N, C-alpha and C. Protein backbone atom coordinates (compact mmCIF):
# COMPACT_ATOMS: atom_id res chain seq x y z
N MET A 1 0.83 -1.19 0.00
CA MET A 1 0.00 0.00 0.00
C MET A 1 0.87 1.25 0.00
N LYS A 2 1.89 1.26 0.83
CA LYS A 2 2.72 2.43 0.95
C LYS A 2 3.49 2.72 -0.35
N SER A 3 3.98 1.67 -1.01
CA SER A 3 4.76 1.89 -2.22
C SER A 3 3.91 2.42 -3.36
N THR A 4 2.64 2.01 -3.44
CA THR A 4 1.78 2.53 -4.50
C THR A 4 1.48 4.00 -4.26
N GLN A 5 1.32 4.38 -3.02
CA GLN A 5 1.10 5.78 -2.71
C GLN A 5 2.35 6.59 -3.04
N ARG A 6 3.51 6.05 -2.69
CA ARG A 6 4.78 6.72 -2.98
C ARG A 6 4.98 6.86 -4.49
N THR A 7 4.64 5.82 -5.22
CA THR A 7 4.80 5.85 -6.67
C THR A 7 3.90 6.89 -7.31
N SER A 8 2.67 7.00 -6.84
CA SER A 8 1.77 7.99 -7.42
C SER A 8 2.25 9.41 -7.12
N ASP A 9 2.85 9.61 -5.95
CA ASP A 9 3.42 10.92 -5.63
C ASP A 9 4.59 11.23 -6.55
N LEU A 10 5.41 10.23 -6.82
CA LEU A 10 6.58 10.44 -7.68
C LEU A 10 6.16 10.69 -9.13
N LYS A 11 5.10 10.04 -9.59
CA LYS A 11 4.65 10.23 -10.97
C LYS A 11 4.18 11.65 -11.22
N ALA A 12 3.71 12.32 -10.17
CA ALA A 12 3.20 13.68 -10.32
C ALA A 12 4.34 14.71 -10.38
N MET A 13 5.56 14.30 -10.08
CA MET A 13 6.69 15.23 -10.05
C MET A 13 7.24 15.48 -11.45
N SER A 14 7.86 16.64 -11.59
CA SER A 14 8.53 16.97 -12.85
C SER A 14 9.93 16.34 -12.85
N ASN A 15 10.62 16.46 -13.97
CA ASN A 15 11.97 15.89 -14.06
C ASN A 15 12.93 16.53 -13.08
N ASP A 16 12.82 17.85 -12.89
CA ASP A 16 13.70 18.54 -11.94
C ASP A 16 13.42 18.09 -10.51
N GLN A 17 12.15 17.92 -10.19
CA GLN A 17 11.79 17.46 -8.86
C GLN A 17 12.26 16.04 -8.62
N LEU A 18 12.17 15.21 -9.65
CA LEU A 18 12.67 13.84 -9.53
C LEU A 18 14.17 13.82 -9.32
N GLN A 19 14.87 14.70 -10.00
CA GLN A 19 16.32 14.78 -9.84
C GLN A 19 16.68 15.21 -8.42
N ASP A 20 15.94 16.18 -7.87
CA ASP A 20 16.17 16.61 -6.49
C ASP A 20 15.87 15.48 -5.50
N GLU A 21 14.81 14.74 -5.76
CA GLU A 21 14.44 13.61 -4.90
C GLU A 21 15.52 12.53 -4.95
N LEU A 22 16.06 12.29 -6.13
CA LEU A 22 17.12 11.30 -6.29
C LEU A 22 18.36 11.72 -5.51
N LEU A 23 18.70 12.98 -5.58
CA LEU A 23 19.85 13.49 -4.84
C LEU A 23 19.65 13.34 -3.34
N LYS A 24 18.45 13.64 -2.87
CA LYS A 24 18.14 13.51 -1.45
C LYS A 24 18.25 12.05 -1.00
N LEU A 25 17.72 11.14 -1.81
CA LEU A 25 17.77 9.72 -1.48
C LEU A 25 19.19 9.18 -1.49
N LYS A 26 20.01 9.63 -2.44
CA LYS A 26 21.40 9.19 -2.50
C LYS A 26 22.17 9.65 -1.25
N LYS A 27 21.89 10.88 -0.78
CA LYS A 27 22.54 11.36 0.43
C LYS A 27 22.11 10.54 1.64
N GLU A 28 20.83 10.22 1.71
CA GLU A 28 20.34 9.40 2.81
C GLU A 28 20.96 8.01 2.77
N GLN A 29 21.08 7.46 1.58
CA GLN A 29 21.69 6.14 1.42
C GLN A 29 23.15 6.16 1.88
N PHE A 30 23.85 7.21 1.55
CA PHE A 30 25.24 7.38 1.97
C PHE A 30 25.34 7.43 3.49
N ASN A 31 24.46 8.22 4.11
CA ASN A 31 24.47 8.33 5.58
C ASN A 31 24.12 7.01 6.24
N LEU A 32 23.17 6.28 5.67
CA LEU A 32 22.79 4.99 6.23
C LEU A 32 23.95 3.99 6.15
N ARG A 33 24.70 4.04 5.06
CA ARG A 33 25.86 3.15 4.93
C ARG A 33 26.89 3.43 6.02
N PHE A 34 27.12 4.71 6.31
CA PHE A 34 28.07 5.07 7.36
C PHE A 34 27.55 4.64 8.73
N GLN A 35 26.27 4.81 8.96
CA GLN A 35 25.70 4.40 10.24
C GLN A 35 25.82 2.89 10.41
N ARG A 36 25.61 2.14 9.34
CA ARG A 36 25.72 0.69 9.43
C ARG A 36 27.17 0.28 9.69
N ALA A 37 28.11 0.97 9.06
CA ALA A 37 29.52 0.62 9.23
C ALA A 37 30.01 0.90 10.65
N THR A 38 29.43 1.91 11.29
CA THR A 38 29.85 2.26 12.65
C THR A 38 28.91 1.68 13.72
N ASN A 39 28.04 0.76 13.29
CA ASN A 39 27.08 0.09 14.19
C ASN A 39 26.17 1.07 14.92
N GLN A 40 25.76 2.13 14.24
CA GLN A 40 24.83 3.10 14.82
C GLN A 40 23.46 3.05 14.16
N LEU A 41 23.29 2.15 13.22
CA LEU A 41 22.04 2.06 12.47
C LEU A 41 20.99 1.33 13.30
N GLU A 42 19.86 2.01 13.54
CA GLU A 42 18.80 1.42 14.35
C GLU A 42 17.75 0.73 13.47
N ASN A 43 17.35 1.38 12.40
CA ASN A 43 16.31 0.83 11.52
C ASN A 43 16.98 0.25 10.28
N THR A 44 17.29 -1.03 10.33
CA THR A 44 18.01 -1.66 9.22
C THR A 44 17.15 -1.79 7.97
N GLY A 45 15.84 -1.81 8.13
CA GLY A 45 14.95 -1.91 6.98
C GLY A 45 14.94 -0.66 6.12
N ARG A 46 15.35 0.45 6.68
CA ARG A 46 15.36 1.71 5.94
C ARG A 46 16.34 1.66 4.77
N VAL A 47 17.42 0.90 4.91
CA VAL A 47 18.40 0.77 3.84
C VAL A 47 17.73 0.20 2.59
N ARG A 48 16.93 -0.83 2.79
CA ARG A 48 16.23 -1.47 1.67
C ARG A 48 15.19 -0.53 1.07
N GLU A 49 14.46 0.19 1.90
CA GLU A 49 13.45 1.12 1.41
C GLU A 49 14.07 2.21 0.55
N VAL A 50 15.17 2.76 1.01
CA VAL A 50 15.83 3.83 0.27
C VAL A 50 16.36 3.31 -1.06
N ARG A 51 16.93 2.11 -1.05
CA ARG A 51 17.45 1.53 -2.29
C ARG A 51 16.33 1.33 -3.31
N LYS A 52 15.18 0.88 -2.84
CA LYS A 52 14.04 0.69 -3.75
C LYS A 52 13.47 2.02 -4.22
N ASP A 53 13.47 3.03 -3.35
CA ASP A 53 13.00 4.36 -3.76
C ASP A 53 13.91 4.95 -4.83
N VAL A 54 15.21 4.73 -4.70
CA VAL A 54 16.15 5.21 -5.72
C VAL A 54 15.82 4.55 -7.06
N ALA A 55 15.55 3.26 -7.03
CA ALA A 55 15.20 2.54 -8.26
C ALA A 55 13.90 3.06 -8.85
N ARG A 56 12.91 3.36 -7.99
CA ARG A 56 11.64 3.91 -8.49
C ARG A 56 11.84 5.24 -9.19
N VAL A 57 12.64 6.11 -8.58
CA VAL A 57 12.88 7.44 -9.16
C VAL A 57 13.60 7.30 -10.50
N LYS A 58 14.61 6.45 -10.54
CA LYS A 58 15.35 6.26 -11.79
C LYS A 58 14.46 5.68 -12.89
N THR A 59 13.58 4.76 -12.52
CA THR A 59 12.66 4.17 -13.49
C THR A 59 11.72 5.23 -14.05
N LEU A 60 11.18 6.06 -13.17
CA LEU A 60 10.27 7.11 -13.64
C LEU A 60 10.99 8.13 -14.51
N GLN A 61 12.23 8.46 -14.17
CA GLN A 61 13.00 9.39 -15.00
C GLN A 61 13.20 8.79 -16.40
N ARG A 62 13.51 7.52 -16.44
CA ARG A 62 13.73 6.86 -17.73
C ARG A 62 12.44 6.81 -18.55
N GLN A 63 11.33 6.53 -17.89
CA GLN A 63 10.05 6.48 -18.59
C GLN A 63 9.68 7.85 -19.14
N LYS A 64 9.91 8.89 -18.34
CA LYS A 64 9.57 10.24 -18.81
C LYS A 64 10.45 10.67 -19.97
N SER A 65 11.73 10.29 -19.93
CA SER A 65 12.61 10.66 -21.04
C SER A 65 12.24 9.88 -22.31
N ALA A 66 11.80 8.64 -22.13
CA ALA A 66 11.41 7.84 -23.29
C ALA A 66 10.14 8.40 -23.94
N THR A 67 9.20 8.84 -23.12
CA THR A 67 7.95 9.40 -23.68
C THR A 67 8.23 10.77 -24.31
N ALA A 68 9.20 11.50 -23.78
CA ALA A 68 9.52 12.80 -24.36
C ALA A 68 10.18 12.64 -25.73
N LYS A 69 10.96 11.58 -25.90
CA LYS A 69 11.63 11.34 -27.19
C LYS A 69 10.65 10.84 -28.24
N ALA A 70 9.62 10.15 -27.79
CA ALA A 70 8.67 9.56 -28.74
C ALA A 70 7.67 10.56 -29.26
């Protein structure tokens, strides 16, 4: 349920907004990696969520660029 809601929110974004969201997610992923390496990570499931969100954003960017070219 949560991922479909997240996906619909992402579909409504423009390319610039998607790029900003991707940058934010990449920074969070970087911070989570450091927290895991120093054993300070409390919510280990967040790593997986962020990784999947990055994939969702990249997929939507690719779909939007493909429709723009067509």
